[in-house]
Structures are given as structure tokens and as C-alpha cells.
């Protein structure tokens, strides 16, 4: 993993904010999770997520623009894959943190 910069310039903060915004949508996280298993077509992603095709296409466009996934065209089909699996380091870290907080809240309510 790359090292964090020593200075957070306004440009870097804007780029970072844009990347986090792309992850702020549950449907996009669902699509990333589906792509964790490997390259998929739009149809595959529709079937795996239960989201509508137009919705999937819109979110895939955002994830591609944000650099999280890459697109490959083959004939009339488009296939999507993770551009870099390091996004799951962030997701796993945050999922662990959220899970721990929820367990603490449940324990506090019980006791």
C-alpha cells in the first residue's frame, strides 16, 4: 500500500472527497462486493445484486469514473472488474469498526 502524503493539498482533499463520495452509495458497495469474485458482465451484476439494469449501469459509470473499476468491451457486451482490490482494505477496516461499534451498542442496551 502506498504511503500517505505529508501535506494534504486542496486538490488532494478534493480528489479524496470525490472517491469517498463514490463509496457513499450502498448500491455501489454492493457492486464492488459482487466484483470481488472477478470480472462480470452488466447482466451478471443485475442478477447478483437484484438492481435494475439502468441503475447498475449508472453506478458502474460512477465507479469507473472514480477509478475503482475498469471496463472491457467484447462485442456487444461490457465486462467490469476491480481496478485495484485495495479498496477492500478500506471496506474491511470500516466494516470491522462498524461491527465492533454495533456490538458495543447491543451490549450496552442489554446490560
PDB file of N, CA and C in Angstrom:
ATOM      1  N   UNK A   1       0.850  -1.170   0.000  1.00  0.00           N
ATOM      2  CA  UNK A   1       0.000   0.000   0.000  1.00  0.00           C
ATOM      3  C   UNK A   1       0.892   1.228   0.000  1.00  0.00           C
ATOM      4  N   UNK A   2       0.449   2.287  -0.704  1.00  0.00           N
ATOM      5  CA  UNK A   2       1.260   3.490  -0.779  1.00  0.00           C
ATOM      6  C   UNK A   2       1.186   4.267   0.528  1.00  0.00           C
ATOM      7  N   UNK A   3       2.194   5.087   0.752  1.00  0.00           N
ATOM      8  CA  UNK A   3       2.257   5.893   1.974  1.00  0.00           C
ATOM      9  C   UNK A   3       1.426   7.148   1.817  1.00  0.00           C
ATOM     10  N   UNK A   4       0.875   7.612   2.912  1.00  0.00           N
ATOM     11  CA  UNK A   4       0.070   8.835   2.901  1.00  0.00           C
ATOM     12  C   UNK A   4       0.973  10.033   2.675  1.00  0.00           C
ATOM     13  N   UNK A   5       0.484  11.014   1.933  1.00  0.00           N
ATOM     14  CA  UNK A   5       1.297  12.211   1.716  1.00  0.00           C
ATOM     15  C   UNK A   5       1.439  13.000   3.014  1.00  0.00           C
ATOM     16  N   UNK A   6       2.512  13.754   3.120  1.00  0.00           N
ATOM     17  CA  UNK A   6       2.750  14.553   4.316  1.00  0.00           C
ATOM     18  C   UNK A   6       1.883  15.807   4.333  1.00  0.00           C
ATOM     19  N   UNK A   7       1.525  16.307   3.137  1.00  0.00           N
ATOM     20  CA  UNK A   7       0.732  17.522   3.039  1.00  0.00           C
ATOM     21  C   UNK A   7      -0.537  17.202   2.249  1.00  0.00           C
ATOM     22  N   UNK A   8      -1.671  17.552   2.823  1.00  0.00           N
ATOM     23  CA  UNK A   8      -2.935  17.372   2.126  1.00  0.00           C
ATOM     24  C   UNK A   8      -3.284  18.680   1.424  1.00  0.00           C
ATOM     25  N   UNK A   9      -2.969  18.755   0.146  1.00  0.00           N
ATOM     26  CA  UNK A   9      -3.259  19.950  -0.633  1.00  0.00           C
ATOM     27  C   UNK A   9      -4.763  20.029  -0.889  1.00  0.00           C
ATOM     28  N   UNK A  10      -5.267  21.204  -1.224  1.00  0.00           N
ATOM     29  CA  UNK A  10      -6.695  21.310  -1.560  1.00  0.00           C
ATOM     30  C   UNK A  10      -7.087  20.370  -2.700  1.00  0.00           C
ATOM     31  N   UNK A  11      -6.214  20.218  -3.688  1.00  0.00           N
ATOM     32  CA  UNK A  11      -6.501  19.334  -4.815  1.00  0.00           C
ATOM     33  C   UNK A  11      -6.599  17.883  -4.366  1.00  0.00           C
ATOM     34  N   UNK A  12      -5.687  17.479  -3.486  1.00  0.00           N
ATOM     35  CA  UNK A  12      -5.708  16.108  -2.978  1.00  0.00           C
ATOM     36  C   UNK A  12      -6.955  15.864  -2.135  1.00  0.00           C
ATOM     37  N   UNK A  13      -7.317  16.830  -1.303  1.00  0.00           N
ATOM     38  CA  UNK A  13      -8.514  16.685  -0.471  1.00  0.00           C
ATOM     39  C   UNK A  13      -9.774  16.588  -1.326  1.00  0.00           C
ATOM     40  N   UNK A  14      -9.835  17.353  -2.412  1.00  0.00           N
ATOM     41  CA  UNK A  14     -10.987  17.287  -3.315  1.00  0.00           C
ATOM     42  C   UNK A  14     -11.062  15.919  -3.982  1.00  0.00           C
ATOM     43  N   UNK A  15      -9.937  15.424  -4.450  1.00  0.00           N
ATOM     44  CA  UNK A  15      -9.907  14.105  -5.088  1.00  0.00           C
ATOM     45  C   UNK A  15     -10.295  13.016  -4.091  1.00  0.00           C
ATOM     46  N   UNK A  16      -9.802  13.115  -2.876  1.00  0.00           N
ATOM     47  CA  UNK A  16     -10.127  12.138  -1.835  1.00  0.00           C
ATOM     48  C   UNK A  16     -11.615  12.179  -1.503  1.00  0.00           C
ATOM     49  N   UNK A  17     -12.163  13.377  -1.388  1.00  0.00           N
ATOM     50  CA  UNK A  17     -13.585  13.541  -1.117  1.00  0.00           C
ATOM     51  C   UNK A  17     -14.426  12.919  -2.227  1.00  0.00           C
ATOM     52  N   UNK A  18     -14.034  13.121  -3.476  1.00  0.00           N
ATOM     53  CA  UNK A  18     -14.764  12.539  -4.603  1.00  0.00           C
ATOM     54  C   UNK A  18     -14.739  11.013  -4.547  1.00  0.00           C
ATOM     55  N   UNK A  19     -13.609  10.446  -4.174  1.00  0.00           N
ATOM     56  CA  UNK A  19     -13.519   8.979  -4.066  1.00  0.00           C
ATOM     57  C   UNK A  19     -14.420   8.456  -2.952  1.00  0.00           C
ATOM     58  N   UNK A  20     -14.425   9.149  -1.810  1.00  0.00           N
ATOM     59  CA  UNK A  20     -15.299   8.727  -0.715  1.00  0.00           C
ATOM     60  C   UNK A  20     -16.769   8.874  -1.092  1.00  0.00           C
ATOM     61  N   UNK A  21     -17.111   9.906  -1.841  1.00  0.00           N
ATOM     62  CA  UNK A  21     -18.496  10.084  -2.291  1.00  0.00           C
ATOM     63  C   UNK A  21     -18.935   8.890  -3.138  1.00  0.00           C
ATOM     64  N   UNK A  22     -18.030   8.386  -3.959  1.00  0.00           N
ATOM     65  CA  UNK A  22     -18.364   7.234  -4.796  1.00  0.00           C
ATOM     66  C   UNK A  22     -18.672   6.005  -3.948  1.00  0.00           C
ATOM     67  N   UNK A  23     -18.067   5.905  -2.779  1.00  0.00           N
ATOM     68  CA  UNK A  23     -18.303   4.766  -1.890  1.00  0.00           C
ATOM     69  C   UNK A  23     -19.476   4.993  -0.940  1.00  0.00           C
ATOM     70  N   UNK A  24     -20.079   6.170  -0.988  1.00  0.00           N
ATOM     71  CA  UNK A  24     -21.138   6.528  -0.042  1.00  0.00           C
ATOM     72  C   UNK A  24     -22.509   6.000  -0.458  1.00  0.00           C
ATOM     73  N   UNK A  25     -22.583   5.245  -1.514  1.00  0.00           N
ATOM     74  CA  UNK A  25     -23.844   4.715  -2.018  1.00  0.00           C
ATOM     75  C   UNK A  25     -23.874   3.197  -1.818  1.00  0.00           C
ATOM     76  N   UNK A  26     -24.844   2.678  -1.057  1.00  0.00           N
ATOM     77  CA  UNK A  26     -24.903   1.229  -0.802  1.00  0.00           C
ATOM     78  C   UNK A  26     -24.905   0.374  -2.070  1.00  0.00           C
ATOM     79  N   UNK A  27     -25.586   0.820  -3.123  1.00  0.00           N
ATOM     80  CA  UNK A  27     -25.621   0.031  -4.361  1.00  0.00           C
ATOM     81  C   UNK A  27     -24.225  -0.099  -4.967  1.00  0.00           C
ATOM     82  N   UNK A  28     -23.418   0.948  -4.867  1.00  0.00           N
ATOM     83  CA  UNK A  28     -22.051   0.875  -5.407  1.00  0.00           C
ATOM     84  C   UNK A  28     -21.202  -0.089  -4.587  1.00  0.00           C
ATOM     85  N   UNK A  29     -21.385  -0.080  -3.287  1.00  0.00           N
ATOM     86  CA  UNK A  29     -20.658  -1.036  -2.446  1.00  0.00           C
ATOM     87  C   UNK A  29     -21.083  -2.464  -2.770  1.00  0.00           C
ATOM     88  N   UNK A  30     -22.376  -2.643  -3.047  1.00  0.00           N
ATOM     89  CA  UNK A  30     -22.884  -3.961  -3.428  1.00  0.00           C
ATOM     90  C   UNK A  30     -22.249  -4.415  -4.741  1.00  0.00           C
ATOM     91  N   UNK A  31     -22.109  -3.508  -5.688  1.00  0.00           N
ATOM     92  CA  UNK A  31     -21.473  -3.844  -6.966  1.00  0.00           C
ATOM     93  C   UNK A  31     -20.001  -4.173  -6.780  1.00  0.00           C
ATOM     94  N   UNK A  32     -19.308  -3.400  -5.956  1.00  0.00           N
ATOM     95  CA  UNK A  32     -17.900  -3.706  -5.681  1.00  0.00           C
ATOM     96  C   UNK A  32     -17.771  -5.088  -5.054  1.00  0.00           C
ATOM     97  N   UNK A  33     -18.659  -5.411  -4.122  1.00  0.00           N
ATOM     98  CA  UNK A  33     -18.620  -6.730  -3.481  1.00  0.00           C
ATOM     99  C   UNK A  33     -18.854  -7.839  -4.507  1.00  0.00           C
ATOM    100  N   UNK A  34     -19.757  -7.610  -5.444  1.00  0.00           N
ATOM    101  CA  UNK A  34     -20.015  -8.606  -6.490  1.00  0.00           C
ATOM    102  C   UNK A  34     -18.796  -8.776  -7.394  1.00  0.00           C
ATOM    103  N   UNK A  35     -18.063  -7.691  -7.625  1.00  0.00           N
ATOM    104  CA  UNK A  35     -16.868  -7.759  -8.467  1.00  0.00           C
ATOM    105  C   UNK A  35     -15.666  -8.336  -7.730  1.00  0.00           C
ATOM    106  N   UNK A  36     -15.782  -8.471  -6.436  1.00  0.00           N
ATOM    107  CA  UNK A  36     -14.687  -9.057  -5.655  1.00  0.00           C
ATOM    108  C   UNK A  36     -14.422 -10.487  -6.115  1.00  0.00           C
ATOM    109  N   UNK A  37     -15.456 -11.143  -6.646  1.00  0.00           N
ATOM    110  CA  UNK A  37     -15.313 -12.512  -7.138  1.00  0.00           C
ATOM    111  C   UNK A  37     -14.751 -12.609  -8.536  1.00  0.00           C
ATOM    112  N   UNK A  38     -14.498 -11.485  -9.194  1.00  0.00           N
ATOM    113  CA  UNK A  38     -13.928 -11.499 -10.534  1.00  0.00           C
ATOM    114  C   UNK A  38     -14.750 -10.689 -11.517  1.00  0.00           C
ATOM    115  N   UNK A  39     -14.287 -10.666 -12.737  1.00  0.00           N
ATOM    116  CA  UNK A  39     -14.914  -9.892 -13.798  1.00  0.00           C
ATOM    117  C   UNK A  39     -16.349 -10.364 -14.037  1.00  0.00           C
ATOM    118  N   UNK A  40     -17.232  -9.406 -14.287  1.00  0.00           N
ATOM    119  CA  UNK A  40     -18.646  -9.719 -14.511  1.00  0.00           C
ATOM    120  C   UNK A  40     -19.218  -8.820 -15.609  1.00  0.00           C
ATOM    121  N   UNK A  41     -20.236  -9.335 -16.292  1.00  0.00           N
ATOM    122  CA  UNK A  41     -20.972  -8.523 -17.258  1.00  0.00           C
ATOM    123  C   UNK A  41     -22.040  -7.738 -16.514  1.00  0.00           C
ATOM    124  N   UNK A  42     -22.637  -6.767 -17.195  1.00  0.00           N
ATOM    125  CA  UNK A  42     -23.721  -5.996 -16.597  1.00  0.00           C
ATOM    126  C   UNK A  42     -24.863  -6.933 -16.218  1.00  0.00           C
ATOM    127  N   UNK A  43     -25.198  -7.867 -17.101  1.00  0.00           N
ATOM    128  CA  UNK A  43     -26.262  -8.827 -16.818  1.00  0.00           C
ATOM    129  C   UNK A  43     -25.967  -9.655 -15.579  1.00  0.00           C
ATOM    130  N   UNK A  44     -24.724 -10.095 -15.449  1.00  0.00           N
ATOM    131  CA  UNK A  44     -24.329 -10.851 -14.249  1.00  0.00           C
ATOM    132  C   UNK A  44     -24.546 -10.011 -12.996  1.00  0.00           C
ATOM    133  N   UNK A  45     -24.157  -8.742 -13.078  1.00  0.00           N
ATOM    134  CA  UNK A  45     -24.270  -7.852 -11.915  1.00  0.00           C
ATOM    135  C   UNK A  45     -25.734  -7.569 -11.574  1.00  0.00           C
ATOM    136  N   UNK A  46     -26.573  -7.465 -12.588  1.00  0.00           N
ATOM    137  CA  UNK A  46     -28.011  -7.296 -12.354  1.00  0.00           C
ATOM    138  C   UNK A  46     -28.541  -8.517 -11.613  1.00  0.00           C
ATOM    139  N   UNK A  47     -28.180  -9.714 -12.083  1.00  0.00           N
ATOM    140  CA  UNK A  47     -28.639 -10.955 -11.449  1.00  0.00           C
ATOM    141  C   UNK A  47     -28.117 -11.091 -10.023  1.00  0.00           C
ATOM    142  N   UNK A  48     -26.845 -10.763  -9.809  1.00  0.00           N
ATOM    143  CA  UNK A  48     -26.232 -10.921  -8.484  1.00  0.00           C
ATOM    144  C   UNK A  48     -26.756  -9.931  -7.452  1.00  0.00           C
ATOM    145  N   UNK A  49     -27.076  -8.723  -7.906  1.00  0.00           N
ATOM    146  CA  UNK A  49     -27.459  -7.674  -6.956  1.00  0.00           C
ATOM    147  C   UNK A  49     -28.963  -7.468  -6.824  1.00  0.00           C
ATOM    148  N   UNK A  50     -29.723  -7.863  -7.857  1.00  0.00           N
ATOM    149  CA  UNK A  50     -31.155  -7.599  -7.843  1.00  0.00           C
ATOM    150  C   UNK A  50     -31.500  -6.164  -8.199  1.00  0.00           C
ATOM    151  N   UNK A  51     -30.503  -5.379  -8.576  1.00  0.00           N
ATOM    152  CA  UNK A  51     -30.722  -3.993  -9.001  1.00  0.00           C
ATOM    153  C   UNK A  51     -31.145  -3.982 -10.463  1.00  0.00           C
ATOM    154  N   UNK A  52     -31.849  -2.941 -10.879  1.00  0.00           N
ATOM    155  CA  UNK A  52     -32.245  -2.810 -12.272  1.00  0.00           C
ATOM    156  C   UNK A  52     -31.055  -2.498 -13.164  1.00  0.00           C
ATOM    157  N   UNK A  53     -31.183  -2.841 -14.449  1.00  0.00           N
ATOM    158  CA  UNK A  53     -30.059  -2.658 -15.372  1.00  0.00           C
ATOM    159  C   UNK A  53     -29.657  -1.195 -15.503  1.00  0.00           C
ATOM    160  N   UNK A  54     -30.622  -0.294 -15.591  1.00  0.00           N
ATOM    161  CA  UNK A  54     -30.285   1.136 -15.718  1.00  0.00           C
ATOM    162  C   UNK A  54     -29.551   1.619 -14.469  1.00  0.00           C
ATOM    163  N   UNK A  55     -29.995   1.161 -13.318  1.00  0.00           N
ATOM    164  CA  UNK A  55     -29.367   1.534 -12.051  1.00  0.00           C
ATOM    165  C   UNK A  55     -27.939   1.001 -11.980  1.00  0.00           C
ATOM    166  N   UNK A  56     -27.764  -0.257 -12.358  1.00  0.00           N
ATOM    167  CA  UNK A  56     -26.425  -0.866 -12.356  1.00  0.00           C
ATOM    168  C   UNK A  56     -25.507  -0.101 -13.298  1.00  0.00           C
ATOM    169  N   UNK A  57     -25.983   0.191 -14.491  1.00  0.00           N
ATOM    170  CA  UNK A  57     -25.156   0.910 -15.473  1.00  0.00           C
ATOM    171  C   UNK A  57     -24.743   2.281 -14.952  1.00  0.00           C
ATOM    172  N   UNK A  58     -25.665   2.983 -14.312  1.00  0.00           N
ATOM    173  CA  UNK A  58     -25.352   4.314 -13.775  1.00  0.00           C
ATOM    174  C   UNK A  58     -24.275   4.224 -12.695  1.00  0.00           C
ATOM    175  N   UNK A  59     -24.408   3.262 -11.795  1.00  0.00           N
ATOM    176  CA  UNK A  59     -23.430   3.113 -10.715  1.00  0.00           C
ATOM    177  C   UNK A  59     -22.085   2.612 -11.245  1.00  0.00           C
ATOM    178  N   UNK A  60     -22.110   1.747 -12.238  1.00  0.00           N
ATOM    179  CA  UNK A  60     -20.854   1.289 -12.841  1.00  0.00           C
ATOM    180  C   UNK A  60     -20.112   2.442 -13.495  1.00  0.00           C
ATOM    181  N   UNK A  61     -20.854   3.325 -14.119  1.00  0.00           N
ATOM    182  CA  UNK A  61     -20.230   4.508 -14.742  1.00  0.00           C
ATOM    183  C   UNK A  61     -19.525   5.352 -13.679  1.00  0.00           C
ATOM    184  N   UNK A  62     -20.183   5.556 -12.540  1.00  0.00           N
ATOM    185  CA  UNK A  62     -19.590   6.344 -11.450  1.00  0.00           C
ATOM    186  C   UNK A  62     -18.352   5.647 -10.890  1.00  0.00           C
ATOM    187  N   UNK A  63     -18.432   4.345 -10.694  1.00  0.00           N
ATOM    188  CA  UNK A  63     -17.286   3.600 -10.156  1.00  0.00           C
ATOM    189  C   UNK A  63     -16.112   3.591 -11.131  1.00  0.00           C
ATOM    190  N   UNK A  64     -16.422   3.563 -12.425  1.00  0.00           N
ATOM    191  CA  UNK A  64     -15.364   3.608 -13.436  1.00  0.00           C
ATOM    192  C   UNK A  64     -14.711   4.989 -13.443  1.00  0.00           C
ATOM    193  N   UNK A  65     -15.524   6.026 -13.427  1.00  0.00           N
ATOM    194  CA  UNK A  65     -15.017   7.402 -13.407  1.00  0.00           C
ATOM    195  C   UNK A  65     -14.156   7.646 -12.175  1.00  0.00           C
ATOM    196  N   UNK A  66     -14.541   7.053 -11.054  1.00  0.00           N
ATOM    197  CA  UNK A  66     -13.802   7.231  -9.795  1.00  0.00           C
ATOM    198  C   UNK A  66     -12.548   6.370  -9.722  1.00  0.00           C
ATOM    199  N   UNK A  67     -12.368   5.487 -10.687  1.00  0.00           N
ATOM    200  CA  UNK A  67     -11.157   4.673 -10.733  1.00  0.00           C
ATOM    201  C   UNK A  67     -11.208   3.386  -9.934  1.00  0.00           C
ATOM    202  N   UNK A  68     -12.376   3.015  -9.428  1.00  0.00           N
ATOM    203  CA  UNK A  68     -12.474   1.796  -8.633  1.00  0.00           C
ATOM    204  C   UNK A  68     -12.586   0.540  -9.489  1.00  0.00           C
ATOM    205  N   UNK A  69     -13.170   0.684 -10.679  1.00  0.00           N
ATOM    206  CA  UNK A  69     -13.313  -0.475 -11.560  1.00  0.00           C
ATOM    207  C   UNK A  69     -12.860  -0.101 -12.962  1.00  0.00           C
ATOM    208  N   UNK A  70     -12.648  -1.142 -13.775  1.00  0.00           N
ATOM    209  CA  UNK A  70     -12.271  -0.933 -15.172  1.00  0.00           C
ATOM    210  C   UNK A  70     -13.283  -1.663 -16.048  1.00  0.00           C
ATOM    211  N   UNK A  71     -13.407  -1.190 -17.262  1.00  0.00           N
ATOM    212  CA  UNK A  71     -14.390  -1.721 -18.207  1.00  0.00           C
ATOM    213  C   UNK A  71     -13.668  -2.310 -19.403  1.00  0.00           C
ATOM    214  N   UNK A  72     -14.166  -3.467 -19.861  1.00  0.00           N
ATOM    215  CA  UNK A  72     -13.625  -4.112 -21.052  1.00  0.00           C
ATOM    216  C   UNK A  72     -14.793  -4.446 -21.963  1.00  0.00           C
ATOM    217  N   UNK A  73     -14.687  -4.051 -23.201  1.00  0.00           N
ATOM    218  CA  UNK A  73     -15.751  -4.291 -24.177  1.00  0.00           C
ATOM    219  C   UNK A  73     -15.384  -5.504 -25.017  1.00  0.00           C
ATOM    220  N   UNK A  74     -16.350  -6.403 -25.198  1.00  0.00           N
ATOM    221  CA  UNK A  74     -16.156  -7.574 -26.057  1.00  0.00           C
ATOM    222  C   UNK A  74     -17.417  -7.753 -26.885  1.00  0.00           C
ATOM    223  N   UNK A  75     -17.355  -7.364 -28.153  1.00  0.00           N
ATOM    224  CA  UNK A  75     -18.551  -7.399 -28.994  1.00  0.00           C
ATOM    225  C   UNK A  75     -19.577  -6.420 -28.458  1.00  0.00           C
ATOM    226  N   UNK A  76     -20.780  -6.920 -28.213  1.00  0.00           N
ATOM    227  CA  UNK A  76     -21.840  -6.058 -27.686  1.00  0.00           C
ATOM    228  C   UNK A  76     -21.893  -6.073 -26.168  1.00  0.00           C
ATOM    229  N   UNK A  77     -21.003  -6.818 -25.542  1.00  0.00           N
ATOM    230  CA  UNK A  77     -21.013  -6.940 -24.083  1.00  0.00           C
ATOM    231  C   UNK A  77     -19.908  -6.108 -23.443  1.00  0.00           C
ATOM    232  N   UNK A  78     -20.205  -5.571 -22.278  1.00  0.00           N
ATOM    233  CA  UNK A  78     -19.208  -4.861 -21.477  1.00  0.00           C
ATOM    234  C   UNK A  78     -18.978  -5.680 -20.215  1.00  0.00           C
ATOM    235  N   UNK A  79     -17.721  -5.811 -19.852  1.00  0.00           N
ATOM    236  CA  UNK A  79     -17.342  -6.551 -18.655  1.00  0.00           C
ATOM    237  C   UNK A  79     -16.620  -5.604 -17.702  1.00  0.00           C
ATOM    238  N   UNK A  80     -16.893  -5.784 -16.431  1.00  0.00           N
ATOM    239  CA  UNK A  80     -16.331  -4.912 -15.407  1.00  0.00           C
ATOM    240  C   UNK A  80     -15.524  -5.746 -14.425  1.00  0.00           C
ATOM    241  N   UNK A  81     -14.456  -5.147 -13.939  1.00  0.00           N
ATOM    242  CA  UNK A  81     -13.596  -5.792 -12.949  1.00  0.00           C
ATOM    243  C   UNK A  81     -13.030  -4.711 -12.038  1.00  0.00           C
ATOM    244  N   UNK A  82     -12.567  -5.125 -10.890  1.00  0.00           N
ATOM    245  CA  UNK A  82     -11.926  -4.185  -9.969  1.00  0.00           C
ATOM    246  C   UNK A  82     -10.654  -3.651 -10.607  1.00  0.00           C
ATOM    247  N   UNK A  83     -10.454  -2.356 -10.504  1.00  0.00           N
ATOM    248  CA  UNK A  83      -9.205  -1.764 -10.988  1.00  0.00           C
ATOM    249  C   UNK A  83      -8.087  -2.055 -10.001  1.00  0.00           C
ATOM    250  N   UNK A  84      -8.448  -2.143  -8.733  1.00  0.00           N
ATOM    251  CA  UNK A  84      -7.474  -2.380  -7.673  1.00  0.00           C
ATOM    252  C   UNK A  84      -8.214  -2.915  -6.450  1.00  0.00           C
ATOM    253  N   UNK A  85      -7.883  -4.104  -6.015  1.00  0.00           N
ATOM    254  CA  UNK A  85      -8.576  -4.721  -4.878  1.00  0.00           C
ATOM    255  C   UNK A  85      -8.262  -4.048  -3.546  1.00  0.00           C
ATOM    256  N   UNK A  86      -7.356  -3.073  -3.544  1.00  0.00           N
ATOM    257  CA  UNK A  86      -7.028  -2.385  -2.287  1.00  0.00           C
ATOM    258  C   UNK A  86      -8.218  -1.653  -1.693  1.00  0.00           C
ATOM    259  N   UNK A  87      -9.238  -1.371  -2.500  1.00  0.00           N
ATOM    260  CA  UNK A  87     -10.426  -0.724  -1.955  1.00  0.00           C
ATOM    261  C   UNK A  87     -11.015  -1.564  -0.818  1.00  0.00           C
ATOM    262  N   UNK A  88     -10.820  -2.867  -0.863  1.00  0.00           N
ATOM    263  CA  UNK A  88     -11.383  -3.726   0.177  1.00  0.00           C
ATOM    264  C   UNK A  88     -10.612  -3.642   1.485  1.00  0.00           C
ATOM    265  N   UNK A  89      -9.397  -3.145   1.458  1.00  0.00           N
ATOM    266  CA  UNK A  89      -8.700  -2.884   2.720  1.00  0.00           C
ATOM    267  C   UNK A  89      -9.459  -1.818   3.493  1.00  0.00           C
ATOM    268  N   UNK A  90      -9.875  -0.782   2.801  1.00  0.00           N
ATOM    269  CA  UNK A  90     -10.661   0.280   3.428  1.00  0.00           C
ATOM    270  C   UNK A  90     -12.024  -0.253   3.861  1.00  0.00           C
ATOM    271  N   UNK A  91     -12.689  -0.983   2.978  1.00  0.00           N
ATOM    272  CA  UNK A  91     -14.014  -1.526   3.304  1.00  0.00           C
ATOM    273  C   UNK A  91     -13.934  -2.485   4.490  1.00  0.00           C
ATOM    274  N   UNK A  92     -12.957  -3.369   4.500  1.00  0.00           N
ATOM    275  CA  UNK A  92     -12.820  -4.332   5.592  1.00  0.00           C
ATOM    276  C   UNK A  92     -12.523  -3.626   6.913  1.00  0.00           C
ATOM    277  N   UNK A  93     -11.691  -2.604   6.852  1.00  0.00           N
ATOM    278  CA  UNK A  93     -11.378  -1.823   8.050  1.00  0.00           C
ATOM    279  C   UNK A  93     -12.642  -1.170   8.601  1.00  0.00           C
ATOM    280  N   UNK A  94     -13.392  -0.520   7.738  1.00  0.00           N
ATOM    281  CA  UNK A  94     -14.602   0.165   8.177  1.00  0.00           C
ATOM    282  C   UNK A  94     -15.682  -0.822   8.608  1.00  0.00           C
ATOM    283  N   UNK A  95     -15.815  -1.940   7.909  1.00  0.00           N
ATOM    284  CA  UNK A  95     -16.801  -2.949   8.314  1.00  0.00           C
ATOM    285  C   UNK A  95     -16.482  -3.483   9.698  1.00  0.00           C
ATOM    286  N   UNK A  96     -15.216  -3.738   9.969  1.00  0.00           N
ATOM    287  CA  UNK A  96     -14.809  -4.204  11.296  1.00  0.00           C
ATOM    288  C   UNK A  96     -15.118  -3.174  12.365  1.00  0.00           C
ATOM    289  N   UNK A  97     -14.864  -1.924  12.056  1.00  0.00           N
ATOM    290  CA  UNK A  97     -15.125  -0.840  13.011  1.00  0.00           C
ATOM    291  C   UNK A  97     -16.622  -0.687  13.281  1.00  0.00           C
ATOM    292  N   UNK A  98     -17.427  -0.694  12.231  1.00  0.00           N
ATOM    293  CA  UNK A  98     -18.878  -0.562  12.378  1.00  0.00           C
ATOM    294  C   UNK A  98     -19.434  -1.755  13.150  1.00  0.00           C
ATOM    295  N   UNK A  99     -18.967  -2.955  12.837  1.00  0.00           N
ATOM    296  CA  UNK A  99     -19.430  -4.155  13.539  1.00  0.00           C
ATOM    297  C   UNK A  99     -19.099  -4.080  15.030  1.00  0.00           C
ATOM    298  N   UNK A 100     -17.889  -3.652  15.358  1.00  0.00           N
ATOM    299  CA  UNK A 100     -17.488  -3.534  16.769  1.00  0.00           C
ATOM    300  C   UNK A 100     -18.355  -2.509  17.493  1.00  0.00           C
ATOM    301  N   UNK A 101     -18.639  -1.388  16.852  1.00  0.00           N
ATOM    302  CA  UNK A 101     -19.491  -0.368  17.471  1.00  0.00           C
ATOM    303  C   UNK A 101     -20.907  -0.884  17.686  1.00  0.00           C
ATOM    304  N   UNK A 102     -21.432  -1.621  16.728  1.00  0.00           N
ATOM    305  CA  UNK A 102     -22.782  -2.170  16.870  1.00  0.00           C
ATOM    306  C   UNK A 102     -22.847  -3.194  18.009  1.00  0.00           C
ATOM    307  N   UNK A 103     -21.815  -4.015  18.123  1.00  0.00           N
ATOM    308  CA  UNK A 103     -21.782  -4.992  19.236  1.00  0.00           C
ATOM    309  C   UNK A 103     -21.737  -4.281  20.580  1.00  0.00           C
ATOM    310  N   UNK A 104     -20.963  -3.204  20.674  1.00  0.00           N
ATOM    311  CA  UNK A 104     -20.902  -2.443  21.924  1.00  0.00           C
ATOM    312  C   UNK A 104     -22.257  -1.818  22.260  1.00  0.00           C
ATOM    313  N   UNK A 105     -22.940  -1.298  21.263  1.00  0.00           N
ATOM    314  CA  UNK A 105     -24.270  -0.709  21.492  1.00  0.00           C
ATOM    315  C   UNK A 105     -25.261  -1.762  21.952  1.00  0.00           C
ATOM    316  N   UNK A 106     -25.240  -2.920  21.311  1.00  0.00           N
ATOM    317  CA  UNK A 106     -26.156  -4.012  21.702  1.00  0.00           C
ATOM    318  C   UNK A 106     -25.873  -4.453  23.131  1.00  0.00           C
ATOM    319  N   UNK A 107     -24.595  -4.572  23.468  1.00  0.00           N
ATOM    320  CA  UNK A 107     -24.226  -4.990  24.833  1.00  0.00           C
ATOM    321  C   UNK A 107     -24.669  -3.942  25.852  1.00  0.00           C
ATOM    322  N   UNK A 108     -24.544  -2.670  25.516  1.00  0.00           N
ATOM    323  CA  UNK A 108     -24.958  -1.606  26.437  1.00  0.00           C
ATOM    324  C   UNK A 108     -26.473  -1.626  26.640  1.00  0.00           C
ATOM    325  N   UNK A 109     -27.203  -1.930  25.591  1.00  0.00           N
ATOM    326  CA  UNK A 109     -28.667  -1.989  25.711  1.00  0.00           C
ATOM    327  C   UNK A 109     -29.119  -3.183  26.549  1.00  0.00           C
ATOM    328  N   UNK A 110     -28.378  -4.279  26.471  1.00  0.00           N
ATOM    329  CA  UNK A 110     -28.713  -5.480  27.252  1.00  0.00           C
ATOM    330  C   UNK A 110     -28.326  -5.342  28.711  1.00  0.00           C
ATOM    331  N   UNK A 111     -27.283  -4.617  28.958  1.00  0.00           N
ATOM    332  CA  UNK A 111     -26.738  -4.632  30.313  1.00  0.00           C
ATOM    333  C   UNK A 111     -26.780  -3.368  31.003  1.00  0.00           C
TER     334      UNK A 111
END
